[in-house]
PDB file of N, CA and C in Angstrom:
ATOM      1  N   MET A   1      -5.076  13.953   8.670  1.00  0.00           N
ATOM      2  CA  MET A   1      -4.735  15.002   9.609  1.00  0.00           C
ATOM      3  C   MET A   1      -4.459  16.322   8.887  1.00  0.00           C
ATOM      4  N   GLU A   2      -3.812  16.224   7.738  1.00  0.00           N
ATOM      5  CA  GLU A   2      -3.490  17.443   6.993  1.00  0.00           C
ATOM      6  C   GLU A   2      -4.751  18.127   6.470  1.00  0.00           C
ATOM      7  N   LYS A   3      -5.773  17.337   6.142  1.00  0.00           N
ATOM      8  CA  LYS A   3      -7.028  17.900   5.656  1.00  0.00           C
ATOM      9  C   LYS A   3      -7.697  18.742   6.750  1.00  0.00           C
ATOM     10  N   ALA A   4      -7.583  18.293   7.987  1.00  0.00           N
ATOM     11  CA  ALA A   4      -8.153  19.049   9.107  1.00  0.00           C
ATOM     12  C   ALA A   4      -7.430  20.382   9.259  1.00  0.00           C
ATOM     13  N   TYR A   5      -6.126  20.400   9.125  1.00  0.00           N
ATOM     14  CA  TYR A   5      -5.363  21.648   9.226  1.00  0.00           C
ATOM     15  C   TYR A   5      -5.739  22.618   8.112  1.00  0.00           C
ATOM     16  N   LYS A   6      -5.909  22.115   6.897  1.00  0.00           N
ATOM     17  CA  LYS A   6      -6.300  22.973   5.776  1.00  0.00           C
ATOM     18  C   LYS A   6      -7.692  23.555   6.007  1.00  0.00           C
ATOM     19  N   THR A   7      -8.582  22.722   6.531  1.00  0.00           N
ATOM     20  CA  THR A   7      -9.939  23.191   6.807  1.00  0.00           C
ATOM     21  C   THR A   7      -9.931  24.266   7.890  1.00  0.00           C
ATOM     22  N   MET A   8      -9.166  24.034   8.951  1.00  0.00           N
ATOM     23  CA  MET A   8      -9.090  25.025  10.034  1.00  0.00           C
ATOM     24  C   MET A   8      -8.429  26.307   9.555  1.00  0.00           C
ATOM     25  N   THR A   9      -7.436  26.213   8.696  1.00  0.00           N
ATOM     26  CA  THR A   9      -6.758  27.397   8.175  1.00  0.00           C
ATOM     27  C   THR A   9      -7.703  28.227   7.323  1.00  0.00           C
ATOM     28  N   SER A  10      -8.425  27.575   6.417  1.00  0.00           N
ATOM     29  CA  SER A  10      -9.352  28.324   5.564  1.00  0.00           C
ATOM     30  C   SER A  10     -10.481  28.918   6.392  1.00  0.00           C
ATOM     31  N   SER A  11     -10.915  28.201   7.403  1.00  0.00           N
ATOM     32  CA  SER A  11     -11.979  28.713   8.269  1.00  0.00           C
ATOM     33  C   SER A  11     -11.493  29.917   9.071  1.00  0.00           C
ATOM     34  N   SER A  12     -10.289  29.859   9.570  1.00  0.00           N
ATOM     35  CA  SER A  12      -9.770  30.987  10.348  1.00  0.00           C
ATOM     36  C   SER A  12      -9.526  32.204   9.466  1.00  0.00           C
ATOM     37  N   VAL A  13      -9.085  31.999   8.241  1.00  0.00           N
ATOM     38  CA  VAL A  13      -8.887  33.112   7.313  1.00  0.00           C
ATOM     39  C   VAL A  13     -10.227  33.771   6.994  1.00  0.00           C
ATOM     40  N   MET A  14     -11.245  32.957   6.786  1.00  0.00           N
ATOM     41  CA  MET A  14     -12.570  33.506   6.499  1.00  0.00           C
ATOM     42  C   MET A  14     -13.116  34.269   7.710  1.00  0.00           C
ATOM     43  N   ASN A  15     -12.884  33.750   8.913  1.00  0.00           N
ATOM     44  CA  ASN A  15     -13.355  34.433  10.117  1.00  0.00           C
ATOM     45  C   ASN A  15     -12.643  35.763  10.321  1.00  0.00           C
ATOM     46  N   ILE A  16     -11.357  35.801  10.084  1.00  0.00           N
ATOM     47  CA  ILE A  16     -10.598  37.052  10.224  1.00  0.00           C
ATOM     48  C   ILE A  16     -11.083  38.061   9.180  1.00  0.00           C
ATOM     49  N   THR A  17     -11.283  37.603   7.951  1.00  0.00           N
ATOM     50  CA  THR A  17     -11.775  38.491   6.898  1.00  0.00           C
ATOM     51  C   THR A  17     -13.149  39.040   7.241  1.00  0.00           C
ATOM     52  N   LEU A  18     -14.033  38.190   7.705  1.00  0.00           N
ATOM     53  CA  LEU A  18     -15.371  38.629   8.089  1.00  0.00           C
ATOM     54  C   LEU A  18     -15.307  39.612   9.257  1.00  0.00           C
ATOM     55  N   GLY A  19     -14.427  39.377  10.206  1.00  0.00           N
ATOM     56  CA  GLY A  19     -14.261  40.301  11.324  1.00  0.00           C
ATOM     57  C   GLY A  19     -13.787  41.667  10.875  1.00  0.00           C
ATOM     58  N   ILE A  20     -12.844  41.702   9.960  1.00  0.00           N
ATOM     59  CA  ILE A  20     -12.341  42.979   9.443  1.00  0.00           C
ATOM     60  C   ILE A  20     -13.445  43.717   8.698  1.00  0.00           C
ATOM     61  N   ILE A  21     -14.214  42.983   7.894  1.00  0.00           N
ATOM     62  CA  ILE A  21     -15.319  43.611   7.163  1.00  0.00           C
ATOM     63  C   ILE A  21     -16.345  44.182   8.135  1.00  0.00           C
ATOM     64  N   MET A  22     -16.651  43.463   9.213  1.00  0.00           N
ATOM     65  CA  MET A  22     -17.612  43.947  10.200  1.00  0.00           C
ATOM     66  C   MET A  22     -17.098  45.176  10.932  1.00  0.00           C
ATOM     67  N   ILE A  23     -15.805  45.222  11.230  1.00  0.00           N
ATOM     68  CA  ILE A  23     -15.228  46.395  11.886  1.00  0.00           C
ATOM     69  C   ILE A  23     -15.320  47.607  10.971  1.00  0.00           C
ATOM     70  N   VAL A  24     -14.971  47.435   9.707  1.00  0.00           N
ATOM     71  CA  VAL A  24     -15.028  48.543   8.752  1.00  0.00           C
ATOM     72  C   VAL A  24     -16.464  49.027   8.580  1.00  0.00           C
ATOM     73  N   ALA A  25     -17.415  48.100   8.470  1.00  0.00           N
ATOM     74  CA  ALA A  25     -18.816  48.486   8.317  1.00  0.00           C
ATOM     75  C   ALA A  25     -19.323  49.214   9.560  1.00  0.00           C
ATOM     76  N   GLY A  26     -18.913  48.770  10.732  1.00  0.00           N
ATOM     77  CA  GLY A  26     -19.308  49.439  11.970  1.00  0.00           C
ATOM     78  C   GLY A  26     -18.741  50.839  12.071  1.00  0.00           C
ATOM     79  N   LEU A  27     -17.487  50.991  11.708  1.00  0.00           N
ATOM     80  CA  LEU A  27     -16.878  52.321  11.730  1.00  0.00           C
ATOM     81  C   LEU A  27     -17.555  53.252  10.724  1.00  0.00           C
ATOM     82  N   ALA A  28     -17.845  52.736   9.546  1.00  0.00           N
ATOM     83  CA  ALA A  28     -18.490  53.569   8.521  1.00  0.00           C
ATOM     84  C   ALA A  28     -19.873  54.008   8.975  1.00  0.00           C
ATOM     85  N   SER A  29     -20.649  53.095   9.543  1.00  0.00           N
ATOM     86  CA  SER A  29     -21.990  53.478   9.992  1.00  0.00           C
ATOM     87  C   SER A  29     -21.913  54.433  11.174  1.00  0.00           C
ATOM     88  N   GLY A  30     -20.923  54.289  12.033  1.00  0.00           N
ATOM     89  CA  GLY A  30     -20.745  55.226  13.132  1.00  0.00           C
ATOM     90  C   GLY A  30     -20.407  56.625  12.645  1.00  0.00           C
ATOM     91  N   VAL A  31     -19.536  56.711  11.676  1.00  0.00           N
ATOM     92  CA  VAL A  31     -19.165  58.020  11.121  1.00  0.00           C
ATOM     93  C   VAL A  31     -20.371  58.669  10.450  1.00  0.00           C
ATOM     94  N   ILE A  32     -21.127  57.873   9.693  1.00  0.00           N
ATOM     95  CA  ILE A  32     -22.320  58.419   9.032  1.00  0.00           C
ATOM     96  C   ILE A  32     -23.328  58.909  10.064  1.00  0.00           C
ATOM     97  N   THR A  33     -23.504  58.171  11.151  1.00  0.00           N
ATOM     98  CA  THR A  33     -24.434  58.582  12.202  1.00  0.00           C
ATOM     99  C   THR A  33     -23.991  59.870  12.866  1.00  0.00           C
ATOM    100  N   ILE A  34     -22.709  59.994  13.148  1.00  0.00           N
ATOM    101  CA  ILE A  34     -22.189  61.215  13.782  1.00  0.00           C
ATOM    102  C   ILE A  34     -22.351  62.405  12.845  1.00  0.00           C
ATOM    103  N   VAL A  35     -22.055  62.218  11.570  1.00  0.00           N
ATOM    104  CA  VAL A  35     -22.190  63.313  10.609  1.00  0.00           C
ATOM    105  C   VAL A  35     -23.647  63.749  10.495  1.00  0.00           C
ATOM    106  N   ASN A  36     -24.568  62.794  10.406  1.00  0.00           N
ATOM    107  CA  ASN A  36     -25.978  63.142  10.319  1.00  0.00           C
ATOM    108  C   ASN A  36     -26.467  63.822  11.594  1.00  0.00           C
ATOM    109  N   GLY A  37     -26.008  63.379  12.745  1.00  0.00           N
ATOM    110  CA  GLY A  37     -26.380  64.020  14.001  1.00  0.00           C
ATOM    111  C   GLY A  37     -25.860  65.440  14.086  1.00  0.00           C
ATOM    112  N   ALA A  38     -24.633  65.653  13.639  1.00  0.00           N
ATOM    113  CA  ALA A  38     -24.066  67.004  13.641  1.00  0.00           C
ATOM    114  C   ALA A  38     -24.832  67.907  12.683  1.00  0.00           C
ATOM    115  N   ARG A  39     -25.231  67.361  11.553  1.00  0.00           N
ATOM    116  CA  ARG A  39     -26.012  68.140  10.589  1.00  0.00           C
ATOM    117  C   ARG A  39     -27.373  68.523  11.175  1.00  0.00           C
ATOM    118  N   LEU A  40     -28.000  67.592  11.901  1.00  0.00           N
ATOM    119  CA  LEU A  40     -29.277  67.898  12.547  1.00  0.00           C
ATOM    120  C   LEU A  40     -29.117  68.964  13.626  1.00  0.00           C
ATOM    121  N   LEU A  41     -28.057  68.860  14.423  1.00  0.00           N
ATOM    122  CA  LEU A  41     -27.822  69.867  15.461  1.00  0.00           C
ATOM    123  C   LEU A  41     -27.555  71.229  14.862  1.00  0.00           C
ATOM    124  N   LYS A  42     -26.861  71.265  13.736  1.00  0.00           N
ATOM    125  CA  LYS A  42     -26.553  72.528  13.088  1.00  0.00           C
ATOM    126  C   LYS A  42     -27.817  73.202  12.556  1.00  0.00           C
ATOM    127  N   ASP A  43     -28.733  72.413  12.042  1.00  0.00           N
ATOM    128  CA  ASP A  43     -29.941  72.964  11.419  1.00  0.00           C
ATOM    129  C   ASP A  43     -31.147  72.930  12.340  1.00  0.00           C
ATOM    130  N   ARG A  44     -30.967  72.765  13.643  1.00  0.00           N
ATOM    131  CA  ARG A  44     -32.113  72.629  14.531  1.00  0.00           C
ATOM    132  C   ARG A  44     -32.885  73.926  14.692  1.00  0.00           C
ATOM    133  N   HIS A  45     -32.284  75.079  14.435  1.00  0.00           N
ATOM    134  CA  HIS A  45     -33.000  76.345  14.583  1.00  0.00           C
ATOM    135  C   HIS A  45     -34.077  76.511  13.521  1.00  0.00           C
ATOM    136  N   GLY A  46     -33.982  75.803  12.415  1.00  0.00           N
ATOM    137  CA  GLY A  46     -34.962  75.892  11.349  1.00  0.00           C
ATOM    138  C   GLY A  46     -36.136  74.951  11.524  1.00  0.00           C
ATOM    139  N   ILE A  47     -36.091  74.095  12.547  1.00  0.00           N
ATOM    140  CA  ILE A  47     -37.158  73.116  12.750  1.00  0.00           C
ATOM    141  C   ILE A  47     -38.221  73.730  13.658  1.00  0.00           C
ATOM    142  N   THR A  48     -39.466  73.722  13.194  1.00  0.00           N
ATOM    143  CA  THR A  48     -40.571  74.192  14.030  1.00  0.00           C
ATOM    144  C   THR A  48     -41.619  73.105  14.109  1.00  0.00           C
ATOM    145  N   PHE A  49     -42.247  72.991  15.257  1.00  0.00           N
ATOM    146  CA  PHE A  49     -43.279  71.973  15.461  1.00  0.00           C
ATOM    147  C   PHE A  49     -44.637  72.613  15.521  1.00  0.00           C
TER     148      PHE A  49
END
């Protein structure tokens, strides 16, 4: 029974860690996207087709 608890504990710790990493990666990619979009909007007067 104790082995099952240890397995569930390590699994839950890994899941929480993976969730935090995914949140941080999502926030970072969102910030990069917003910055790049703002840069494109700022320089749109120089774009000609």
